[in-house]
């Protein structure tokens, strides 16, 4: 299994929508992942996570299924992390997935999947792309990239 984990693209200050820079970054992400074989996507209920995935969904159409897990409400960020991790762990071992989340949940998602700890994501940091390889033998490898 391969899992791409990232924070949503750049947003306008104090707004849920992506900025023009964020929309451009979302298109870049779509170009990067379009031929990767990704078939499952997970995001929060925030508009910016959906907008980050929108160009990829437009490119892949029915080949990409998106599942939303709330990051607000009673369960909060911890419940979001638990739901995303459980959903990814339930996937077949040959799946390629992407999880678009938030600065405070990306690291815990990677950690929950066994990828180890990651550096905190800063408030203005939108370019980090974590790629977790989970082979059948269980020896996980984490790549930390920028895009």
N, C-alpha and C. Protein backbone atom coordinates (compact mmCIF):
# COMPACT_ATOMS: atom_id res chain seq x y z
N UNK A 1 0.84 -1.18 0.00
CA UNK A 1 0.00 0.00 0.00
C UNK A 1 0.89 1.24 0.00
N UNK A 2 0.40 2.25 -0.69
CA UNK A 2 1.06 3.55 -0.68
C UNK A 2 0.01 4.58 -0.28
N UNK A 3 0.37 5.45 0.67
CA UNK A 3 -0.56 6.47 1.14
C UNK A 3 0.12 7.83 1.06
N UNK A 4 -0.48 8.74 0.32
CA UNK A 4 -0.05 10.13 0.28
C UNK A 4 -0.84 10.87 1.36
N UNK A 5 -0.14 11.58 2.24
CA UNK A 5 -0.82 12.33 3.31
C UNK A 5 -0.34 13.77 3.24
N UNK A 6 -1.28 14.70 3.22
CA UNK A 6 -0.91 16.10 3.09
C UNK A 6 -1.96 17.01 3.71
N UNK A 7 -1.53 18.20 3.99
CA UNK A 7 -2.44 19.26 4.42
C UNK A 7 -3.11 19.81 3.17
N UNK A 8 -4.32 20.33 3.33
CA UNK A 8 -4.99 21.01 2.23
C UNK A 8 -4.08 22.09 1.65
N UNK A 9 -4.38 22.49 0.43
CA UNK A 9 -3.60 23.54 -0.23
C UNK A 9 -3.87 24.90 0.44
N UNK A 10 -3.10 25.88 0.03
CA UNK A 10 -3.15 27.23 0.60
C UNK A 10 -4.57 27.79 0.60
N UNK A 11 -4.92 28.41 1.71
CA UNK A 11 -6.25 29.01 1.81
C UNK A 11 -6.12 30.51 2.05
N UNK A 12 -7.22 31.20 1.82
CA UNK A 12 -7.28 32.62 2.17
C UNK A 12 -7.34 32.72 3.68
N UNK A 13 -6.68 33.73 4.23
CA UNK A 13 -6.68 33.92 5.68
C UNK A 13 -8.11 34.01 6.19
N UNK A 14 -8.38 33.29 7.26
CA UNK A 14 -9.68 33.31 7.92
C UNK A 14 -10.83 32.86 7.02
N UNK A 15 -10.55 32.13 5.96
CA UNK A 15 -11.60 31.63 5.07
C UNK A 15 -11.40 30.14 4.86
N UNK A 16 -12.46 29.46 4.50
CA UNK A 16 -12.36 28.02 4.29
C UNK A 16 -11.93 27.68 2.86
N UNK A 17 -12.15 28.60 1.93
CA UNK A 17 -11.84 28.34 0.53
C UNK A 17 -10.34 28.47 0.24
N UNK A 18 -9.91 27.79 -0.81
CA UNK A 18 -8.52 27.91 -1.25
C UNK A 18 -8.28 29.29 -1.86
N UNK A 19 -7.06 29.76 -1.72
CA UNK A 19 -6.64 30.99 -2.39
C UNK A 19 -6.28 30.64 -3.84
N UNK A 20 -5.94 31.65 -4.64
CA UNK A 20 -5.50 31.40 -6.01
C UNK A 20 -4.25 30.53 -6.01
N UNK A 21 -3.34 30.79 -5.09
CA UNK A 21 -2.12 29.97 -4.96
C UNK A 21 -2.50 28.54 -4.58
N UNK A 22 -3.47 28.39 -3.70
CA UNK A 22 -3.92 27.06 -3.29
C UNK A 22 -4.55 26.30 -4.44
N UNK A 23 -5.34 26.99 -5.25
CA UNK A 23 -5.96 26.34 -6.41
C UNK A 23 -4.88 25.86 -7.38
N UNK A 24 -3.84 26.66 -7.55
CA UNK A 24 -2.72 26.26 -8.42
C UNK A 24 -2.01 25.04 -7.83
N UNK A 25 -1.82 25.03 -6.50
CA UNK A 25 -1.16 23.89 -5.85
C UNK A 25 -2.03 22.63 -5.98
N UNK A 26 -3.34 22.77 -5.88
CA UNK A 26 -4.24 21.63 -6.03
C UNK A 26 -4.13 21.04 -7.44
N UNK A 27 -4.00 21.90 -8.45
CA UNK A 27 -3.81 21.41 -9.82
C UNK A 27 -2.46 20.70 -9.96
N UNK A 28 -1.44 21.23 -9.31
CA UNK A 28 -0.13 20.58 -9.33
C UNK A 28 -0.22 19.19 -8.69
N UNK A 29 -0.90 19.09 -7.57
CA UNK A 29 -1.09 17.79 -6.91
C UNK A 29 -1.79 16.82 -7.85
N UNK A 30 -2.82 17.28 -8.53
CA UNK A 30 -3.54 16.42 -9.47
C UNK A 30 -2.62 15.92 -10.58
N UNK A 31 -1.79 16.81 -11.11
CA UNK A 31 -0.83 16.41 -12.15
C UNK A 31 0.16 15.38 -11.62
N UNK A 32 0.59 15.57 -10.38
CA UNK A 32 1.56 14.65 -9.79
C UNK A 32 0.97 13.26 -9.55
N UNK A 33 -0.28 13.21 -9.11
CA UNK A 33 -0.88 11.93 -8.70
C UNK A 33 -1.73 11.26 -9.78
N UNK A 34 -1.99 11.94 -10.88
CA UNK A 34 -2.92 11.43 -11.89
C UNK A 34 -2.55 10.05 -12.41
N UNK A 35 -1.28 9.75 -12.54
CA UNK A 35 -0.86 8.46 -13.08
C UNK A 35 -0.27 7.55 -12.01
N UNK A 36 -0.50 7.88 -10.75
CA UNK A 36 0.07 7.11 -9.63
C UNK A 36 -0.69 5.83 -9.33
N UNK A 37 -1.92 5.74 -9.82
CA UNK A 37 -2.77 4.60 -9.48
C UNK A 37 -3.64 4.85 -8.26
N UNK A 38 -3.65 6.08 -7.76
CA UNK A 38 -4.47 6.40 -6.59
C UNK A 38 -5.94 6.16 -6.92
N UNK A 39 -6.63 5.47 -6.01
CA UNK A 39 -8.04 5.16 -6.24
C UNK A 39 -8.94 5.53 -5.07
N UNK A 40 -8.36 5.77 -3.91
CA UNK A 40 -9.13 6.11 -2.71
C UNK A 40 -8.61 7.42 -2.15
N UNK A 41 -9.54 8.28 -1.76
CA UNK A 41 -9.16 9.56 -1.16
C UNK A 41 -9.99 9.78 0.09
N UNK A 42 -9.37 10.42 1.06
CA UNK A 42 -10.02 10.73 2.32
C UNK A 42 -9.78 12.20 2.62
N UNK A 43 -10.78 12.87 3.16
CA UNK A 43 -10.64 14.27 3.50
C UNK A 43 -11.56 14.59 4.67
N UNK A 44 -11.44 15.81 5.16
CA UNK A 44 -12.34 16.26 6.22
C UNK A 44 -13.57 16.90 5.58
N UNK A 45 -14.44 17.43 6.41
CA UNK A 45 -15.64 18.10 5.92
C UNK A 45 -15.39 19.57 5.58
N UNK A 46 -14.15 20.02 5.68
CA UNK A 46 -13.83 21.41 5.35
C UNK A 46 -13.77 21.60 3.83
N UNK A 47 -14.31 22.70 3.36
CA UNK A 47 -14.34 23.00 1.93
C UNK A 47 -12.94 22.93 1.33
N UNK A 48 -11.94 23.44 2.03
CA UNK A 48 -10.58 23.50 1.47
C UNK A 48 -10.00 22.12 1.19
N UNK A 49 -10.38 21.10 1.96
CA UNK A 49 -9.87 19.75 1.67
C UNK A 49 -10.53 19.21 0.41
N UNK A 50 -11.82 19.49 0.24
CA UNK A 50 -12.52 19.07 -0.99
C UNK A 50 -11.95 19.79 -2.20
N UNK A 51 -11.68 21.09 -2.05
CA UNK A 51 -11.12 21.86 -3.17
C UNK A 51 -9.72 21.39 -3.53
N UNK A 52 -8.97 20.90 -2.56
CA UNK A 52 -7.63 20.38 -2.83
C UNK A 52 -7.73 19.11 -3.68
N UNK A 53 -8.73 18.29 -3.42
CA UNK A 53 -8.92 17.05 -4.17
C UNK A 53 -9.66 17.24 -5.50
N UNK A 54 -10.35 18.36 -5.67
CA UNK A 54 -11.22 18.55 -6.83
C UNK A 54 -10.52 18.36 -8.18
N UNK A 55 -9.34 18.94 -8.42
CA UNK A 55 -8.70 18.72 -9.72
C UNK A 55 -8.33 17.25 -9.95
N UNK A 56 -7.93 16.54 -8.91
CA UNK A 56 -7.62 15.12 -9.05
C UNK A 56 -8.88 14.33 -9.38
N UNK A 57 -9.97 14.65 -8.71
CA UNK A 57 -11.25 13.98 -8.99
C UNK A 57 -11.69 14.29 -10.41
N UNK A 58 -11.52 15.52 -10.85
CA UNK A 58 -11.89 15.90 -12.21
C UNK A 58 -11.07 15.10 -13.23
N UNK A 59 -9.79 14.90 -12.93
CA UNK A 59 -8.91 14.15 -13.83
C UNK A 59 -9.26 12.66 -13.85
N UNK A 60 -9.49 12.09 -12.67
CA UNK A 60 -9.69 10.64 -12.57
C UNK A 60 -11.15 10.21 -12.66
N UNK A 61 -12.06 11.12 -12.41
CA UNK A 61 -13.48 10.78 -12.48
C UNK A 61 -13.84 9.63 -11.56
N UNK A 62 -14.53 8.64 -12.10
CA UNK A 62 -14.99 7.50 -11.31
C UNK A 62 -13.90 6.59 -10.80
N UNK A 63 -12.67 6.79 -11.26
CA UNK A 63 -11.57 5.95 -10.76
C UNK A 63 -11.11 6.37 -9.37
N UNK A 64 -11.60 7.51 -8.86
CA UNK A 64 -11.24 7.99 -7.53
C UNK A 64 -12.50 8.12 -6.69
N UNK A 65 -12.54 7.38 -5.59
CA UNK A 65 -13.65 7.55 -4.64
C UNK A 65 -13.15 8.36 -3.46
N UNK A 66 -13.97 9.31 -3.02
CA UNK A 66 -13.62 10.21 -1.93
C UNK A 66 -14.55 9.96 -0.75
N UNK A 67 -13.96 9.77 0.42
CA UNK A 67 -14.71 9.58 1.66
C UNK A 67 -14.38 10.73 2.60
N UNK A 68 -15.41 11.33 3.15
CA UNK A 68 -15.25 12.46 4.06
C UNK A 68 -15.45 12.01 5.50
N UNK A 69 -14.56 12.47 6.38
CA UNK A 69 -14.69 12.25 7.82
C UNK A 69 -14.64 13.61 8.50
N UNK A 70 -15.60 13.89 9.36
CA UNK A 70 -15.68 15.19 10.03
C UNK A 70 -14.45 15.44 10.89
N UNK A 71 -13.97 16.67 10.85
CA UNK A 71 -12.86 17.07 11.72
C UNK A 71 -13.37 17.97 12.84
N UNK A 72 -14.67 18.21 12.83
CA UNK A 72 -15.29 19.04 13.86
C UNK A 72 -16.27 18.17 14.64
N UNK A 73 -17.15 18.80 15.32
CA UNK A 73 -18.18 18.06 16.04
C UNK A 73 -17.66 17.41 17.31
N UNK A 74 -18.40 16.45 17.80
CA UNK A 74 -18.09 15.84 19.09
C UNK A 74 -16.76 15.10 19.10
N UNK A 75 -16.44 14.41 18.02
CA UNK A 75 -15.20 13.62 18.02
C UNK A 75 -13.97 14.47 17.77
N UNK A 76 -14.12 15.63 17.13
CA UNK A 76 -13.02 16.55 16.89
C UNK A 76 -11.88 15.96 16.09
N UNK A 77 -10.71 16.60 16.15
CA UNK A 77 -9.56 16.13 15.37
C UNK A 77 -9.15 14.69 15.70
N UNK A 78 -9.23 14.30 16.96
CA UNK A 78 -8.84 12.93 17.32
C UNK A 78 -9.74 11.90 16.65
N UNK A 79 -11.04 12.18 16.63
CA UNK A 79 -11.98 11.28 15.97
C UNK A 79 -11.74 11.23 14.47
N UNK A 80 -11.40 12.37 13.89
CA UNK A 80 -11.08 12.42 12.45
C UNK A 80 -9.87 11.54 12.15
N UNK A 81 -8.82 11.70 12.95
CA UNK A 81 -7.61 10.90 12.75
C UNK A 81 -7.93 9.41 12.88
N UNK A 82 -8.64 9.03 13.91
CA UNK A 82 -8.98 7.62 14.12
C UNK A 82 -9.79 7.06 12.95
N UNK A 83 -10.75 7.84 12.44
CA UNK A 83 -11.58 7.38 11.33
C UNK A 83 -10.76 7.21 10.05
N UNK A 84 -9.90 8.18 9.75
CA UNK A 84 -9.08 8.10 8.55
C UNK A 84 -8.12 6.91 8.64
N UNK A 85 -7.46 6.77 9.77
CA UNK A 85 -6.51 5.65 9.96
C UNK A 85 -7.23 4.32 9.82
N UNK A 86 -8.38 4.16 10.46
CA UNK A 86 -9.13 2.90 10.38
C UNK A 86 -9.56 2.61 8.95
N UNK A 87 -10.01 3.63 8.22
CA UNK A 87 -10.43 3.43 6.84
C UNK A 87 -9.27 3.00 5.95
N UNK A 88 -8.12 3.61 6.15
CA UNK A 88 -6.95 3.25 5.35
C UNK A 88 -6.48 1.84 5.70
N UNK A 89 -6.46 1.53 6.97
CA UNK A 89 -6.02 0.19 7.39
C UNK A 89 -6.95 -0.90 6.88
N UNK A 90 -8.20 -0.57 6.58
CA UNK A 90 -9.16 -1.56 6.09
C UNK A 90 -9.04 -1.80 4.58
N UNK A 91 -8.22 -1.01 3.90
CA UNK A 91 -8.08 -1.14 2.45
C UNK A 91 -7.22 -2.35 2.09
N UNK A 92 -7.42 -2.91 0.89
CA UNK A 92 -6.54 -3.98 0.42
C UNK A 92 -5.09 -3.51 0.35
N UNK A 93 -4.16 -4.42 0.50
CA UNK A 93 -2.74 -4.08 0.61
C UNK A 93 -2.14 -3.48 -0.67
N UNK A 94 -2.82 -3.63 -1.80
CA UNK A 94 -2.29 -3.08 -3.05
C UNK A 94 -2.89 -1.71 -3.40
N UNK A 95 -3.60 -1.10 -2.47
CA UNK A 95 -4.27 0.18 -2.70
C UNK A 95 -3.28 1.34 -2.66
N UNK A 96 -3.56 2.33 -3.48
CA UNK A 96 -2.86 3.61 -3.41
C UNK A 96 -3.91 4.64 -3.03
N UNK A 97 -3.65 5.35 -1.92
CA UNK A 97 -4.64 6.27 -1.36
C UNK A 97 -4.02 7.63 -1.09
N UNK A 98 -4.88 8.62 -0.93
CA UNK A 98 -4.45 9.96 -0.54
C UNK A 98 -5.37 10.45 0.57
N UNK A 99 -4.77 11.07 1.58
CA UNK A 99 -5.53 11.67 2.68
C UNK A 99 -5.17 13.14 2.75
N UNK A 100 -6.18 13.99 2.58
CA UNK A 100 -6.00 15.44 2.66
C UNK A 100 -6.64 15.91 3.95
N UNK A 101 -5.83 16.50 4.82
CA UNK A 101 -6.34 16.85 6.14
C UNK A 101 -5.83 18.23 6.54
N UNK A 102 -5.46 18.39 7.80
CA UNK A 102 -5.14 19.70 8.36
C UNK A 102 -3.79 19.66 9.09
N UNK A 103 -3.26 20.83 9.39
CA UNK A 103 -1.93 20.91 10.00
C UNK A 103 -1.83 20.12 11.29
N UNK A 104 -2.91 20.04 12.05
CA UNK A 104 -2.87 19.33 13.33
C UNK A 104 -3.25 17.86 13.24
N UNK A 105 -3.61 17.38 12.05
CA UNK A 105 -4.01 15.97 11.92
C UNK A 105 -3.14 15.16 10.96
N UNK A 106 -2.38 15.82 10.10
CA UNK A 106 -1.52 15.08 9.15
C UNK A 106 -0.52 14.20 9.90
N UNK A 107 0.23 14.79 10.84
CA UNK A 107 1.21 14.01 11.61
C UNK A 107 0.59 12.85 12.35
N UNK A 108 -0.50 13.06 13.09
CA UNK A 108 -1.15 11.95 13.79
C UNK A 108 -1.68 10.85 12.85
N UNK A 109 -2.11 11.22 11.64
CA UNK A 109 -2.54 10.20 10.68
C UNK A 109 -1.35 9.33 10.29
N UNK A 110 -0.24 9.96 9.95
CA UNK A 110 0.97 9.21 9.58
C UNK A 110 1.41 8.33 10.74
N UNK A 111 1.42 8.90 11.93
CA UNK A 111 1.82 8.14 13.12
C UNK A 111 0.86 6.97 13.37
N UNK A 112 -0.43 7.20 13.21
CA UNK A 112 -1.41 6.14 13.40
C UNK A 112 -1.27 5.00 12.41
N UNK A 113 -0.73 5.31 11.24
CA UNK A 113 -0.48 4.29 10.22
C UNK A 113 0.86 3.61 10.41
N UNK A 114 1.59 4.01 11.44
CA UNK A 114 2.88 3.39 11.73
C UNK A 114 4.06 4.03 11.04
N UNK A 115 3.87 5.25 10.52
CA UNK A 115 4.94 5.92 9.80
C UNK A 115 5.90 6.70 10.66
N UNK A 116 5.72 6.66 11.97
CA UNK A 116 6.60 7.39 12.88
C UNK A 116 6.18 8.83 13.01
N UNK A 117 6.93 9.57 13.79
CA UNK A 117 6.62 10.98 14.02
C UNK A 117 7.09 11.85 12.88
N UNK A 118 6.45 12.98 12.72
CA UNK A 118 6.83 13.96 11.71
C UNK A 118 6.94 15.32 12.38
N UNK A 119 7.64 16.23 11.73
CA UNK A 119 7.74 17.59 12.25
C UNK A 119 6.37 18.26 12.18
N UNK A 120 6.12 19.16 13.10
CA UNK A 120 4.86 19.91 13.10
C UNK A 120 4.76 20.74 11.81
N UNK A 121 3.56 20.91 11.33
CA UNK A 121 3.31 21.71 10.13
C UNK A 121 2.95 23.12 10.57
N UNK A 122 3.68 24.09 10.06
CA UNK A 122 3.46 25.48 10.43
C UNK A 122 2.17 26.04 9.85
N UNK A 123 1.71 27.14 10.43
CA UNK A 123 0.45 27.75 10.01
C UNK A 123 0.43 28.16 8.54
N UNK A 124 1.58 28.53 7.99
CA UNK A 124 1.64 28.97 6.60
C UNK A 124 2.34 27.94 5.71
N UNK A 125 2.41 26.72 6.15
CA UNK A 125 3.10 25.65 5.41
C UNK A 125 2.06 24.76 4.73
N UNK A 126 2.05 24.79 3.41
CA UNK A 126 1.05 24.05 2.65
C UNK A 126 1.67 23.10 1.62
N UNK A 127 2.99 23.01 1.59
CA UNK A 127 3.65 22.29 0.50
C UNK A 127 4.24 20.94 0.90
N UNK A 128 3.95 20.47 2.08
CA UNK A 128 4.53 19.20 2.51
C UNK A 128 3.68 18.04 2.01
N UNK A 129 4.33 17.04 1.43
CA UNK A 129 3.67 15.84 0.93
C UNK A 129 4.39 14.64 1.54
N UNK A 130 3.69 13.91 2.38
CA UNK A 130 4.25 12.72 3.03
C UNK A 130 3.77 11.50 2.27
N UNK A 131 4.69 10.60 1.95
CA UNK A 131 4.36 9.40 1.21
C UNK A 131 4.78 8.21 2.06
N UNK A 132 3.79 7.43 2.48
CA UNK A 132 4.04 6.29 3.35
C UNK A 132 3.87 5.00 2.55
N UNK A 133 4.93 4.21 2.51
CA UNK A 133 4.91 2.91 1.86
C UNK A 133 4.68 1.86 2.94
N UNK A 134 3.65 1.04 2.76
CA UNK A 134 3.31 0.00 3.73
C UNK A 134 3.32 -1.34 2.99
N UNK A 135 4.48 -2.01 2.93
CA UNK A 135 4.55 -3.29 2.23
C UNK A 135 3.93 -4.41 3.06
N UNK A 136 3.63 -5.53 2.42
CA UNK A 136 3.03 -6.66 3.14
C UNK A 136 3.86 -7.13 4.33
N UNK A 137 5.19 -6.96 4.27
CA UNK A 137 6.03 -7.41 5.39
C UNK A 137 5.97 -6.46 6.58
N UNK A 138 5.28 -5.32 6.42
CA UNK A 138 5.08 -4.40 7.53
C UNK A 138 6.18 -3.39 7.76
N UNK A 139 7.29 -3.46 7.02
CA UNK A 139 8.40 -2.51 7.21
C UNK A 139 8.08 -1.22 6.46
N UNK A 140 7.59 -0.25 7.15
CA UNK A 140 7.10 0.98 6.54
C UNK A 140 8.25 1.95 6.24
N UNK A 141 8.08 2.70 5.17
CA UNK A 141 9.03 3.73 4.78
C UNK A 141 8.26 5.02 4.56
N UNK A 142 8.76 6.12 5.11
CA UNK A 142 8.12 7.42 4.96
C UNK A 142 9.03 8.36 4.20
N UNK A 143 8.52 8.91 3.09
CA UNK A 143 9.22 9.95 2.35
C UNK A 143 8.56 11.28 2.70
N UNK A 144 9.38 12.30 2.95
CA UNK A 144 8.86 13.63 3.22
C UNK A 144 9.29 14.54 2.08
N UNK A 145 8.32 14.97 1.29
CA UNK A 145 8.58 15.75 0.09
C UNK A 145 7.94 17.13 0.19
N UNK A 146 8.31 17.99 -0.76
CA UNK A 146 7.67 19.31 -0.91
C UNK A 146 7.15 19.39 -2.34
N UNK A 147 6.04 20.07 -2.51
CA UNK A 147 5.50 20.24 -3.87
C UNK A 147 4.95 21.64 -4.06
